Structures are given as C-alpha cells and as structure tokens.
Amino acid sequence: MKRILEPELMLDENQCRVYSNASFDVPYGDFLNSFKEKFTNKIIKGSVLDLGCGPGDLSILFAKTFHQTNIHAIDGSEMMLDLARKKVNQYNLSNRIIFFNQRIPDLDLPCRSYDIILSNWTLHHLINPFHLWEVIKKYSKPDTIIYLMDFTRPRTVKLAKQIIRKHCKNEPEIFKKDCYNSLLASFRPQEIISQMNQCQLSKLNFAIVSKYQFAVWGQF
C-alpha cells in the first residue's frame, strides 16, 4: 500500500478539541517508559525541544517526570496550542513549558541547540519527512538525546481498519478517521531507515516497538 498524504496541520476546532480530550495515557506512558529504558544511565535534565507537541500532553508528562527540564514545545496549529496552554496552566507548569506556534522546518527558537529532542506522532504529518530529520540535526549538539516515535504504515487498508477497530473502538468517529488517515500517511520501516541514512543519522537506533509503531533513539 502506497502512502496517502493527510493535511499537515489540525486546524478544525472540533477536530482539535476531540483530539485534545482523547485519552493518551497508555501511549504516552509507553513513550515515557521506553525513553527511560533507552537512557537508563543518563541524568535527564536541561533544555528539551518537543517537535509537534499538539495539545501538550507529552510535554506535560515529561516535565512532571523529569523535574530538572525546561521545554520548548512547537506546533503549527495555534488552535491546538491554545488548548495546550490551558492544560499547562492547570498543572502550574507555565514557567517550565513554553509553546511556539511555528511550522517545521521554518523554526526560529530561543536556543541554538537542545539537550533533549522529542517527537511523537509528528513525522507522518509532514508532506516532506526530511524536514523533521533536518530540524533534529539543526538543533542538536554533541550528546543531544534524541527520542522519536511514530506509526508504521500497515501493508493493507484492511489491516489499517482492523487496528482502528481494535484500539479506537470507544472514541468519536472524527478521532477514528484521524487515526486511520495517520496510519495511511505513515512510513514503512525501510522508508524511515532510508530517510535516516540520507540525512546522515544512521548512528541513531531504529526498532519496531509494536505492531504499528517504531522508535528512533540515540545521541547526536
């Protein structure tokens, strides 16, 4: 099955609210646990860049877990960031998490480089996936910790529909449609590895971490 593009940004108000209200406790918990396993021997502190933060849930969870971090979180949807700022205020983390309404790859951030770069479910949104890899390179320095997760594209439409039925059965229809489109817009493992090689990021690790997700991690 070939990749089917989806819109890069989530701009519809109802769509944003449904996504923001969805429960991602399990997948974000999996992201965090996997991050901890990969960097067991590292002291997690310093500046963090969250690429494609959406409604801010991962940034909040990361800040609550690693108290010595400060996060710059970027997203291209101002509507999504409005929801994210409300959540951050509820957790009294506005002094540690700052949101920027900017689009990959055209970022203009306060820091020239970051100690940690995160990205979850962002790569598949981009029409040109190389934009994300180049941004990671641009804002990395020696020993920057990099951790990225995203979907892998199912081999068939039938399999994509089965995944949605299994994992999104209790979610609103608009959410199911978004997730389905995300699966169709994501990349196959060999495509991701090729992208990394072309961007001279082959020293980073790549692994399939579930039936429909992969992870990339390492230090720059």
Protein backbone atom coordinates (compact mmCIF):
# COMPACT_ATOMS: atom_id res chain seq x y z
CA MET A 1 0.00 0.00 0.00
CA LYS A 2 1.39 3.39 -1.01
CA ARG A 3 1.47 6.32 1.36
CA ILE A 4 -1.66 8.53 1.30
CA LEU A 5 -0.95 12.09 2.45
CA GLU A 6 -3.07 13.89 5.02
CA PRO A 7 -3.16 17.61 5.96
CA GLU A 8 -0.02 18.65 7.85
CA LEU A 9 -1.93 20.69 10.42
CA MET A 10 -5.01 20.06 12.53
CA LEU A 11 -6.94 23.34 12.20
CA ASP A 12 -10.62 22.42 12.61
CA GLU A 13 -11.83 23.48 16.07
CA ASN A 14 -13.95 20.39 16.70
CA GLN A 15 -11.17 18.13 15.46
CA CYS A 16 -8.66 19.81 17.80
CA ARG A 17 -10.95 19.53 20.81
CA VAL A 18 -11.73 15.87 20.19
CA TYR A 19 -8.02 15.10 19.87
CA SER A 20 -7.16 17.12 22.97
CA ASN A 21 -9.85 15.38 25.04
CA ALA A 22 -8.87 11.87 23.95
CA SER A 23 -7.08 9.69 26.48
CA PHE A 24 -3.44 9.07 25.57
CA ASP A 25 -2.37 7.87 29.00
CA VAL A 26 -1.31 4.47 27.67
CA PRO A 27 0.64 5.51 24.53
CA TYR A 28 2.30 8.48 26.24
CA GLY A 29 3.09 6.26 29.20
CA ASP A 30 4.63 3.77 26.78
CA PHE A 31 6.66 6.58 25.19
CA LEU A 32 7.98 7.68 28.57
CA ASN A 33 8.75 4.15 29.79
CA SER A 34 10.56 3.35 26.57
CA PHE A 35 12.53 6.60 26.85
CA LYS A 36 13.59 5.68 30.40
CA GLU A 37 14.69 2.21 29.29
CA LYS A 38 16.80 3.57 26.45
CA PHE A 39 18.54 6.19 28.60
CA THR A 40 18.79 4.41 31.96
CA ASN A 41 22.29 5.67 32.66
CA LYS A 42 21.64 9.29 31.71
CA ILE A 43 20.71 12.14 34.03
CA ILE A 44 17.70 13.70 32.31
CA LYS A 45 17.90 17.45 32.71
CA GLY A 46 18.31 20.66 30.77
CA SER A 47 16.60 22.08 27.70
CA VAL A 48 14.04 20.00 25.81
CA LEU A 49 12.57 20.53 22.33
CA ASP A 50 9.23 18.82 21.67
CA LEU A 51 8.58 18.78 17.92
CA GLY A 52 4.89 18.68 17.04
CA CYS A 53 3.52 18.88 20.58
CA GLY A 54 -0.19 19.01 19.71
CA PRO A 55 -2.29 19.69 22.83
CA GLY A 56 0.76 19.45 25.09
CA ASP A 57 0.14 16.16 26.88
CA LEU A 58 3.57 14.66 26.25
CA SER A 59 5.36 17.87 27.22
CA ILE A 60 3.40 17.97 30.48
CA LEU A 61 4.09 14.32 31.29
CA PHE A 62 7.78 14.75 30.54
CA ALA A 63 8.05 17.86 32.71
CA LYS A 64 6.21 16.17 35.60
CA THR A 65 8.53 13.17 35.37
CA PHE A 66 11.85 14.96 34.89
CA HIS A 67 11.83 17.96 37.20
CA GLN A 68 15.15 19.38 36.01
CA THR A 69 13.94 20.05 32.48
CA ASN A 70 12.54 23.10 30.71
CA ILE A 71 10.63 22.52 27.49
CA HIS A 72 10.15 24.45 24.28
CA ALA A 73 7.19 22.83 22.52
CA ILE A 74 6.31 23.70 18.92
CA ASP A 75 3.23 23.09 16.82
CA GLY A 76 1.86 24.67 13.66
CA SER A 77 -1.74 24.82 14.89
CA GLU A 78 -2.45 27.85 17.08
CA MET A 79 -5.83 26.36 17.97
CA MET A 80 -4.12 23.25 19.31
CA LEU A 81 -1.66 25.36 21.28
CA ASP A 82 -4.48 27.32 22.91
CA LEU A 83 -5.70 24.04 24.36
CA ALA A 84 -2.17 23.09 25.37
CA ARG A 85 -1.61 26.35 27.26
CA LYS A 86 -4.79 25.80 29.27
CA LYS A 87 -3.59 22.36 30.32
CA VAL A 88 -0.16 23.66 31.28
CA ASN A 89 -1.73 26.37 33.44
CA GLN A 90 -3.81 23.73 35.21
CA TYR A 91 -0.61 21.90 36.18
CA ASN A 92 1.23 25.12 37.10
CA LEU A 93 3.95 24.36 34.57
CA SER A 94 3.81 27.56 32.54
CA ASN A 95 7.22 28.55 33.92
CA ARG A 96 8.79 25.37 32.51
CA ILE A 97 6.88 24.74 29.28
CA ILE A 98 6.77 27.41 26.58
CA PHE A 99 4.81 26.91 23.38
CA PHE A 100 5.73 28.25 19.95
CA ASN A 101 3.34 28.45 17.02
CA GLN A 102 5.83 27.56 14.30
CA ARG A 103 5.92 25.12 11.40
CA ILE A 104 8.60 22.58 10.63
CA PRO A 105 11.10 23.22 9.08
CA ASP A 106 10.90 27.02 9.46
CA LEU A 107 11.71 27.26 13.16
CA ASP A 108 13.17 30.28 14.91
CA LEU A 109 13.73 29.27 18.52
CA PRO A 110 15.49 30.90 21.50
CA CYS A 111 18.07 28.12 21.83
CA ARG A 112 20.65 27.26 19.20
CA SER A 113 20.65 23.65 20.41
CA TYR A 114 18.90 21.45 22.98
CA ASP A 115 19.94 18.78 25.46
CA ILE A 116 16.96 16.59 24.52
CA ILE A 117 14.81 16.45 21.38
CA LEU A 118 11.49 14.59 21.42
CA SER A 119 8.94 13.86 18.72
CA ASN A 120 5.85 11.72 18.93
CA TRP A 121 3.42 11.13 16.03
CA THR A 122 4.77 14.03 14.00
CA LEU A 123 6.74 12.51 11.12
CA HIS A 124 3.68 11.09 9.34
CA HIS A 125 2.00 14.53 9.28
CA LEU A 126 4.74 16.03 7.13
CA ILE A 127 4.48 16.01 3.36
CA ASN A 128 8.27 16.05 3.24
CA PRO A 129 9.62 13.83 6.04
CA PHE A 130 13.17 15.11 5.56
CA HIS A 131 12.09 18.39 7.13
CA LEU A 132 11.83 16.72 10.54
CA TRP A 133 15.20 14.97 10.30
CA GLU A 134 16.91 18.19 9.22
CA VAL A 135 15.38 20.12 12.14
CA ILE A 136 16.64 17.44 14.53
CA LYS A 137 20.13 17.84 13.09
CA LYS A 138 19.95 21.63 13.20
CA TYR A 139 19.04 21.83 16.89
CA SER A 140 21.31 19.03 18.10
CA LYS A 141 24.77 19.31 19.58
CA PRO A 142 27.25 16.64 20.67
CA ASP A 143 25.46 14.28 23.09
CA THR A 144 21.95 15.66 22.48
CA ILE A 145 19.50 12.91 23.46
CA ILE A 146 17.05 12.13 20.65
CA TYR A 147 13.88 10.09 21.02
CA LEU A 148 11.21 9.79 18.34
CA MET A 149 8.19 7.55 17.93
CA ASP A 150 5.59 7.30 15.18
CA PHE A 151 3.32 4.91 13.35
CA THR A 152 4.40 2.44 10.71
CA ARG A 153 2.14 2.16 7.69
CA PRO A 154 0.16 -1.10 7.56
CA ARG A 155 0.65 -3.22 4.47
CA THR A 156 -3.03 -3.08 3.55
CA VAL A 157 -6.07 -0.87 4.05
CA LYS A 158 -7.82 -3.84 5.63
CA LEU A 159 -5.15 -4.11 8.32
CA ALA A 160 -5.33 -0.35 8.99
CA LYS A 161 -9.08 -0.65 9.57
CA GLN A 162 -8.54 -3.59 11.92
CA ILE A 163 -6.10 -1.55 14.01
CA ILE A 164 -8.60 1.30 14.33
CA ARG A 165 -11.43 -1.06 15.30
CA LYS A 166 -9.27 -2.64 17.98
CA HIS A 167 -7.64 0.41 19.53
CA CYS A 168 -10.14 3.23 18.92
CA LYS A 169 -13.48 1.47 19.33
CA ASN A 170 -14.68 3.79 22.11
CA GLU A 171 -13.50 7.03 20.51
CA PRO A 172 -15.63 9.52 18.48
CA GLU A 173 -15.87 8.93 14.74
CA ILE A 174 -13.82 12.04 13.94
CA PHE A 175 -10.99 10.67 16.09
CA LYS A 176 -11.18 7.26 14.40
CA LYS A 177 -10.98 8.92 11.00
CA ASP A 178 -7.94 10.97 12.02
CA CYS A 179 -6.12 7.91 13.34
CA TYR A 180 -6.95 5.91 10.23
CA ASN A 181 -5.63 8.70 7.99
CA SER A 182 -2.49 8.89 10.13
CA LEU A 183 -1.80 5.21 9.60
CA LEU A 184 -2.17 5.60 5.84
CA ALA A 185 0.15 8.63 5.85
CA SER A 186 2.90 7.00 7.90
CA PHE A 187 6.03 5.28 6.60
CA ARG A 188 7.22 1.72 6.22
CA PRO A 189 10.35 0.73 8.22
CA GLN A 190 12.61 0.62 5.17
CA GLU A 191 11.47 4.12 4.18
CA ILE A 192 12.35 5.51 7.61
CA ILE A 193 15.78 3.88 7.61
CA SER A 194 16.42 5.28 4.14
CA GLN A 195 15.47 8.77 5.31
CA MET A 196 17.86 8.50 8.27
CA ASN A 197 20.69 7.29 6.05
CA GLN A 198 20.19 10.12 3.57
CA CYS A 199 20.27 12.64 6.43
CA GLN A 200 23.42 11.04 7.88
CA LEU A 201 21.61 9.92 11.00
CA SER A 202 22.37 6.24 10.63
CA LYS A 203 24.17 6.20 14.00
CA LEU A 204 20.79 6.55 15.68
CA ASN A 205 19.00 3.34 16.63
CA PHE A 206 15.81 2.15 14.93
CA ALA A 207 13.39 -0.51 16.14
CA ILE A 208 9.79 -1.62 15.70
CA VAL A 209 8.26 -1.34 19.16
CA SER A 210 4.73 -2.62 18.46
CA LYS A 211 2.65 -3.88 15.57
CA TYR A 212 2.11 -0.34 14.37
CA GLN A 213 4.83 1.88 15.92
CA PHE A 214 8.57 2.41 15.64
CA ALA A 215 11.15 4.27 17.71
CA VAL A 216 14.35 6.10 16.84
CA TRP A 217 16.77 6.98 19.62
CA GLY A 218 20.34 7.77 20.46
CA GLN A 219 22.68 10.69 20.90
CA PHE A 220 23.76 13.04 18.19
